[in-house]
């Protein structure tokens, strides 16, 4: 028989999961009677539930909807968002959660957040929120804390306040890896086209670029560093600026695959061939990078894995668990394709 009681009457599901040596979503499956759990795993979880005296909540009553979480994405029109949605959907299914997706977030006016989206969050009874590429104001952080709504940031735009949980990629290492690849091919005149100067991922990738140059003993040239806004048109303009330098680069690290396509267009307009005349490395590992001509060498960041990790962290927080650290970084890796090669002999 299902026992009643509040969430504070006994150990949380996260404690049970640790005791049984499984993930919170797996423990949740057992509690909710899901069949897609191995018999041995189900036995360990059931024994942990009984041993710790876990108070099982009633399954959803007729008048009570399933638990929901909100996912706020920057846009629904990009393959980036598609990868994030895929990761969240898979993890939410495993955790027995429903997901409500919103594109963009209302900006604040004065010291208070706009009421509309937040009122809807309360009205539909969402148990937590995932923010992807969101730039929250102090008032919005305060509102979430005051209403005790757990939330996790996926690839936050700015450095989050202390204590805020976030998931991202190892951007510094990714920037260093991209630059090391070009240096290993023999390039010394390596430029970088970055995104917003103040954005966390952008500044970290440029810092990795600079670290690789320093480690290789290659002088840092400020004129080789150009900032943009992560769209093709700006990258196109920045690439033309680099080509107009008295000593243009022989290779360029472009800090997003989308911007790399803009750089490709600029190079084509100048009659330059990739990689014969100039090598190009992107960042993100989006599907369209494979279909560029030539196929784009890029640093893959695990977008779906970042999203699923964030959902699992949020599910644990909803059960009263608290991650050991506030920042989780997942590894990036270089995907070599046809857009990089040795520099042409002078």
Protein backbone atom coordinates (compact mmCIF):
# COMPACT_ATOMS: atom_id res chain seq x y z
CA UNK A 1 0.00 0.00 0.00
CA UNK A 2 1.25 3.49 -0.81
CA UNK A 3 2.09 5.49 2.30
CA UNK A 4 1.34 9.15 2.70
CA UNK A 5 3.46 11.85 4.22
CA UNK A 6 5.44 14.93 3.29
CA UNK A 7 8.73 15.12 1.43
CA UNK A 8 10.54 15.80 4.75
CA UNK A 9 9.20 12.66 6.47
CA UNK A 10 12.14 10.57 5.35
CA UNK A 11 15.08 10.34 2.97
CA UNK A 12 14.83 11.85 -0.48
CA UNK A 13 14.87 9.81 -3.67
CA UNK A 14 18.43 11.04 -4.28
CA UNK A 15 19.54 9.43 -1.00
CA UNK A 16 17.86 6.17 -2.00
CA UNK A 17 19.55 6.28 -5.39
CA UNK A 18 22.99 6.71 -3.80
CA UNK A 19 22.30 3.86 -1.38
CA UNK A 20 21.31 1.55 -4.24
CA UNK A 21 24.14 2.71 -6.51
CA UNK A 22 21.85 3.94 -9.28
CA UNK A 23 20.83 7.28 -10.80
CA UNK A 24 17.89 9.32 -9.52
CA UNK A 25 15.89 8.71 -12.73
CA UNK A 26 16.37 4.93 -12.32
CA UNK A 27 15.21 5.05 -8.71
CA UNK A 28 12.24 7.13 -9.85
CA UNK A 29 11.30 4.45 -12.39
CA UNK A 30 11.14 1.83 -9.64
CA UNK A 31 9.08 4.07 -7.35
CA UNK A 32 6.63 4.82 -10.16
CA UNK A 33 6.29 1.18 -11.19
CA UNK A 34 7.96 1.51 -14.59
CA UNK A 35 8.81 -1.80 -16.28
CA UNK A 36 12.00 -0.76 -18.11
CA UNK A 37 14.31 -1.56 -15.17
CA UNK A 38 16.52 -4.64 -14.90
CA UNK A 39 15.36 -7.12 -12.20
CA UNK A 40 18.62 -6.89 -10.22
CA UNK A 41 18.49 -3.09 -10.30
CA UNK A 42 14.84 -3.12 -9.20
CA UNK A 43 15.74 -5.41 -6.31
CA UNK A 44 18.55 -3.12 -5.09
CA UNK A 45 16.35 -0.05 -5.26
CA UNK A 46 13.42 -1.76 -3.54
CA UNK A 47 15.66 -2.96 -0.71
CA UNK A 48 17.11 0.54 -0.32
CA UNK A 49 13.59 2.02 -0.21
CA UNK A 50 12.57 -0.36 2.58
CA UNK A 51 15.86 -0.12 4.45
CA UNK A 52 15.82 3.70 4.54
CA UNK A 53 12.10 3.98 5.19
CA UNK A 54 11.41 6.05 2.10
CA UNK A 55 7.92 7.54 2.18
CA UNK A 56 6.39 6.89 -1.21
CA UNK A 57 4.13 9.59 -2.50
CA UNK A 58 0.81 8.59 -4.06
CA UNK A 59 0.96 8.30 -7.81
CA UNK A 60 -0.83 11.04 -9.68
CA UNK A 61 -4.43 11.46 -8.58
CA UNK A 62 -7.13 12.15 -11.11
CA UNK A 63 -7.09 15.86 -10.23
CA UNK A 64 -3.31 16.15 -10.11
CA UNK A 65 -1.35 16.42 -13.39
CA UNK A 66 2.09 14.81 -13.92
CA UNK A 67 5.10 16.75 -12.74
CA UNK A 68 6.31 19.23 -15.31
CA UNK A 69 9.51 21.15 -15.90
CA UNK A 70 10.02 24.13 -18.16
CA UNK A 71 12.76 24.39 -20.78
CA UNK A 72 13.54 27.89 -22.00
CA UNK A 73 15.61 27.94 -25.21
CA UNK A 74 17.03 30.90 -27.09
CA UNK A 75 15.32 29.91 -30.34
CA UNK A 76 13.52 26.96 -31.92
CA UNK A 77 14.98 27.61 -35.38
CA UNK A 78 18.49 26.18 -35.01
CA UNK A 79 20.05 22.73 -34.93
CA UNK A 80 21.64 23.83 -31.62
CA UNK A 81 18.17 23.99 -30.03
CA UNK A 82 17.26 20.70 -31.67
CA UNK A 83 20.20 18.98 -29.96
CA UNK A 84 19.25 20.51 -26.60
CA UNK A 85 15.61 19.44 -26.98
CA UNK A 86 16.70 15.91 -27.86
CA UNK A 87 18.83 15.60 -24.71
CA UNK A 88 16.16 17.03 -22.42
CA UNK A 89 13.40 14.85 -23.90
CA UNK A 90 15.34 11.63 -23.39
CA UNK A 91 16.31 12.42 -19.80
CA UNK A 92 12.81 13.66 -18.95
CA UNK A 93 11.29 10.43 -20.25
CA UNK A 94 13.62 8.43 -18.02
CA UNK A 95 12.72 10.61 -15.02
CA UNK A 96 8.98 10.44 -15.65
CA UNK A 97 8.70 14.20 -16.25
CA UNK A 98 6.74 16.26 -18.75
CA UNK A 99 8.49 19.18 -20.49
CA UNK A 100 7.03 22.55 -21.50
CA UNK A 101 9.20 24.39 -24.05
CA UNK A 102 9.37 28.18 -24.38
CA UNK A 103 11.39 30.06 -26.99
CA UNK A 104 13.08 33.07 -25.41
CA UNK A 105 12.42 34.72 -22.09
CA UNK A 106 10.77 38.07 -21.45
CA UNK A 107 13.28 40.71 -20.50
CA UNK A 108 13.00 42.69 -17.31
CA UNK A 109 11.76 46.23 -16.94
CA UNK A 110 13.23 48.11 -14.02
CA UNK A 111 13.88 45.95 -10.96
CA UNK A 112 11.04 43.49 -11.57
CA UNK A 113 10.69 40.68 -14.11
CA UNK A 114 7.74 40.85 -16.44
CA UNK A 115 4.86 38.97 -14.92
CA UNK A 116 3.58 37.00 -17.90
CA UNK A 117 5.99 34.09 -18.25
CA UNK A 118 6.59 33.71 -14.51
CA UNK A 119 2.88 33.78 -13.72
CA UNK A 120 2.36 30.98 -16.24
CA UNK A 121 5.17 29.01 -14.60
CA UNK A 122 3.29 29.11 -11.29
CA UNK A 123 -0.13 28.56 -12.86
CA UNK A 124 0.85 25.34 -14.62
CA UNK A 125 2.61 24.02 -11.53
CA UNK A 126 6.05 23.49 -13.04
CA UNK A 127 8.41 21.86 -10.56
CA UNK A 128 11.62 23.26 -12.05
CA UNK A 129 13.19 25.16 -14.96
CA UNK A 130 16.05 24.64 -17.40
CA UNK A 131 17.39 27.84 -18.98
CA UNK A 132 19.44 27.43 -22.17
CA UNK A 133 21.53 30.43 -23.29
CA UNK A 134 19.43 32.65 -21.05
CA UNK A 135 20.63 35.94 -19.58
CA UNK A 136 18.70 36.25 -16.32
CA UNK A 137 18.53 39.49 -14.40
CA UNK A 138 19.11 39.78 -10.63
CA UNK A 139 15.35 40.30 -10.24
CA UNK A 140 14.62 37.05 -12.08
CA UNK A 141 17.12 35.10 -9.97
CA UNK A 142 15.51 36.60 -6.87
CA UNK A 143 12.01 35.67 -8.05
CA UNK A 144 13.01 32.03 -8.60
CA UNK A 145 14.64 31.86 -5.17
CA UNK A 146 11.69 33.48 -3.43
CA UNK A 147 9.28 30.99 -4.99
CA UNK A 148 11.65 28.08 -4.22
CA UNK A 149 11.68 26.89 -7.83
CA UNK A 150 14.80 24.81 -8.59
CA UNK A 151 16.53 25.68 -11.85
CA UNK A 152 19.65 24.81 -13.83
CA UNK A 153 21.41 26.89 -16.50
CA UNK A 154 22.62 25.26 -19.72
CA UNK A 155 25.56 27.17 -21.24
CA UNK A 156 24.83 30.44 -19.36
CA UNK A 157 25.59 33.70 -21.13
CA UNK A 158 27.23 35.35 -18.12
CA UNK A 159 28.93 34.03 -15.00
CA UNK A 160 26.05 32.89 -12.76
CA UNK A 161 25.71 34.18 -9.19
CA UNK A 162 27.28 32.03 -6.45
CA UNK A 163 25.34 28.87 -5.76
CA UNK A 164 23.55 28.71 -9.13
CA UNK A 165 23.87 25.31 -10.81
CA UNK A 166 24.98 25.29 -14.45
CA UNK A 167 26.16 22.86 -17.14
CA UNK A 168 28.44 23.75 -20.03
CA UNK A 169 31.25 22.58 -22.25
CA UNK A 170 34.99 22.80 -21.61
CA UNK A 171 35.30 25.92 -23.75
CA UNK A 172 38.83 26.85 -22.73
CA UNK A 173 40.10 23.38 -23.57
CA UNK A 174 38.15 23.42 -26.84
CA UNK A 175 39.73 26.71 -27.89
CA UNK A 176 43.17 25.40 -27.03
CA UNK A 177 42.56 22.15 -28.95
CA UNK A 178 41.43 23.98 -32.09
CA UNK A 179 44.46 26.26 -32.04
CA UNK A 180 46.90 23.43 -31.27
CA UNK A 181 45.55 21.56 -34.30
CA UNK A 182 46.33 24.51 -36.59
CA UNK A 183 49.75 25.05 -35.02
CA UNK A 184 50.60 21.35 -35.45
CA UNK A 185 49.86 21.69 -39.18
CA UNK A 186 52.54 24.36 -39.37
CA UNK A 187 50.47 27.56 -39.16
CA UNK A 188 51.91 30.47 -37.19
CA UNK A 189 49.62 33.25 -38.42
CA UNK A 190 46.47 31.97 -36.69
CA UNK A 191 43.51 34.30 -36.16
CA UNK A 192 40.33 33.88 -34.15
CA UNK A 193 36.79 35.14 -34.80
CA UNK A 194 34.90 35.02 -31.52
CA UNK A 195 31.36 35.72 -30.37
CA UNK A 196 30.29 38.35 -27.86
CA UNK A 197 33.29 39.58 -25.90
CA UNK A 198 31.44 39.41 -22.57
CA UNK A 199 29.93 35.96 -23.05
CA UNK A 200 31.43 33.21 -20.91
CA UNK A 201 31.95 30.66 -23.69
CA UNK A 202 33.43 33.24 -26.06
CA UNK A 203 35.99 34.62 -23.62
CA UNK A 204 36.96 31.08 -22.56
CA UNK A 205 37.57 29.95 -26.16
CA UNK A 206 39.73 33.00 -26.86
CA UNK A 207 41.65 32.34 -23.63
CA UNK A 208 42.29 28.77 -24.82
CA UNK A 209 43.48 30.13 -28.17
CA UNK A 210 45.94 32.46 -26.43
CA UNK A 211 47.18 29.67 -24.15
CA UNK A 212 47.94 27.45 -27.14
CA UNK A 213 49.90 30.23 -28.83
CA UNK A 214 51.87 30.88 -25.66
CA UNK A 215 52.63 27.19 -25.15
CA UNK A 216 53.93 26.95 -28.72
CA UNK A 217 56.02 30.10 -28.44
CA UNK A 218 53.99 31.84 -31.16
CA UNK A 219 53.60 35.59 -30.58
CA UNK A 220 50.10 36.83 -29.77
CA UNK A 221 48.89 39.39 -32.31
CA UNK A 222 45.93 41.51 -31.12
CA UNK A 223 44.95 42.35 -34.70
CA UNK A 224 44.25 38.64 -35.25
CA UNK A 225 41.48 38.62 -32.61
CA UNK A 226 38.05 39.73 -33.84
CA UNK A 227 34.77 39.65 -31.89
CA UNK A 228 31.28 39.29 -33.34
CA UNK A 229 27.85 38.07 -32.27
CA UNK A 230 27.65 34.41 -33.33
CA UNK A 231 25.88 35.08 -36.64
CA UNK A 232 27.09 34.55 -40.19
CA UNK A 233 26.90 38.15 -41.41
CA UNK A 234 29.19 39.50 -38.67
CA UNK A 235 31.68 36.67 -39.15
CA UNK A 236 31.67 37.43 -42.88
CA UNK A 237 32.63 41.04 -42.13
CA UNK A 238 35.30 40.06 -39.58
CA UNK A 239 36.85 37.60 -42.04
CA UNK A 240 37.14 40.34 -44.67
CA UNK A 241 38.83 42.58 -42.10
CA UNK A 242 41.40 39.87 -41.38
CA UNK A 243 42.06 39.36 -45.10
CA UNK A 244 42.69 43.09 -45.50
CA UNK A 245 45.52 43.10 -42.97
CA UNK A 246 49.05 43.73 -44.34
CA UNK A 247 49.93 40.20 -43.25
CA UNK A 248 46.68 38.19 -43.27
CA UNK A 249 46.39 34.91 -41.37
CA UNK A 250 46.91 31.52 -42.97
CA UNK A 251 44.42 29.89 -40.58
CA UNK A 252 41.42 31.01 -38.57
CA UNK A 253 39.63 29.52 -35.59
CA UNK A 254 35.98 30.57 -35.78
CA UNK A 255 34.19 30.17 -32.45
CA UNK A 256 30.97 28.69 -33.85
CA UNK A 257 30.04 26.57 -36.84
CA UNK A 258 27.38 29.08 -37.82
CA UNK A 259 29.97 31.89 -37.95
CA UNK A 260 32.33 29.63 -39.88
CA UNK A 261 29.80 29.53 -42.72
CA UNK A 262 29.98 33.33 -42.90
CA UNK A 263 33.78 33.11 -43.02
CA UNK A 264 33.49 30.57 -45.84
CA UNK A 265 31.44 33.04 -47.86
CA UNK A 266 33.99 35.83 -47.38
CA UNK A 267 36.83 33.57 -48.49
CA UNK A 268 34.89 32.50 -51.58
CA UNK A 269 34.27 36.16 -52.50
CA UNK A 270 38.00 36.77 -52.38
CA UNK A 271 38.72 33.74 -54.55
CA UNK A 272 40.52 31.88 -51.74
CA UNK A 273 40.39 28.10 -51.47
CA UNK A 274 39.94 26.15 -48.23
CA UNK A 275 42.31 24.70 -47.07
CA UNK A 276 44.80 25.40 -49.88
CA UNK A 277 44.95 29.13 -49.18
CA UNK A 278 43.61 29.26 -45.63
CA UNK A 279 42.51 26.71 -43.04
CA UNK A 280 39.31 27.05 -41.00
CA UNK A 281 38.23 25.40 -37.74
CA UNK A 282 34.74 25.84 -36.27
CA UNK A 283 33.20 25.11 -32.90
CA UNK A 284 29.96 23.31 -31.87
CA UNK A 285 29.82 20.18 -34.01
CA UNK A 286 26.44 21.01 -35.56
CA UNK A 287 25.10 18.75 -38.36
CA UNK A 288 25.51 21.45 -41.01
CA UNK A 289 29.29 21.45 -40.45
CA UNK A 290 29.46 18.09 -42.26
CA UNK A 291 27.69 19.51 -45.31
CA UNK A 292 29.80 22.62 -45.79
CA UNK A 293 32.14 22.60 -48.80
CA UNK A 294 34.71 21.56 -47.83
CA UNK A 295 33.44 19.72 -44.74
CA UNK A 296 34.29 21.80 -41.68
CA UNK A 297 36.84 20.70 -39.11
CA UNK A 298 35.24 21.62 -35.79
CA UNK A 299 35.38 21.24 -32.04
CA UNK A 300 32.33 19.26 -30.96
CA UNK A 301 30.63 20.24 -27.76
CA UNK A 302 28.19 17.60 -26.47
CA UNK A 303 24.98 19.64 -26.62
CA UNK A 304 22.54 16.76 -26.08
CA UNK A 305 24.65 15.38 -23.24
CA UNK A 306 24.83 18.84 -21.64
CA UNK A 307 21.04 19.09 -21.77
CA UNK A 308 20.40 15.61 -20.39
CA UNK A 309 22.93 16.20 -17.60
CA UNK A 310 21.14 19.43 -16.69
CA UNK A 311 17.76 17.65 -16.60
CA UNK A 312 19.13 14.93 -14.33
CA UNK A 313 20.61 17.53 -11.99
CA UNK A 314 17.29 19.35 -11.93
CA UNK A 315 15.40 16.11 -11.20
CA UNK A 316 17.68 15.52 -8.24
CA UNK A 317 17.20 19.07 -6.97
CA UNK A 318 13.44 18.61 -7.19
CA UNK A 319 13.84 15.66 -4.85
CA UNK A 320 15.86 17.70 -2.37
CA UNK A 321 19.32 16.72 -3.57
CA UNK A 322 22.04 19.31 -4.06
CA UNK A 323 24.89 18.81 -6.54
CA UNK A 324 28.36 18.65 -5.02
CA UNK A 325 29.54 21.47 -7.30
CA UNK A 326 27.65 24.27 -9.00
CA UNK A 327 29.44 24.03 -12.38
CA UNK A 328 29.51 20.86 -14.48
CA UNK A 329 31.73 20.91 -17.59
CA UNK A 330 31.62 18.23 -20.26
CA UNK A 331 34.59 17.51 -22.51
CA UNK A 332 34.91 18.74 -26.09
CA UNK A 333 36.73 16.94 -28.89
CA UNK A 334 38.21 17.87 -32.25
CA UNK A 335 36.47 16.45 -35.34
CA UNK A 336 38.95 16.64 -38.24
CA UNK A 337 37.50 17.08 -41.70
CA UNK A 338 38.61 18.71 -44.95
CA UNK A 339 38.86 22.39 -44.03
CA UNK A 340 42.34 22.28 -42.49
CA UNK A 341 45.75 21.53 -43.95
CA UNK A 342 49.34 22.64 -43.95
CA UNK A 343 50.02 26.27 -44.95
CA UNK A 344 50.94 26.90 -48.54
CA UNK A 345 54.66 27.46 -49.13
CA UNK A 346 55.53 31.14 -49.45
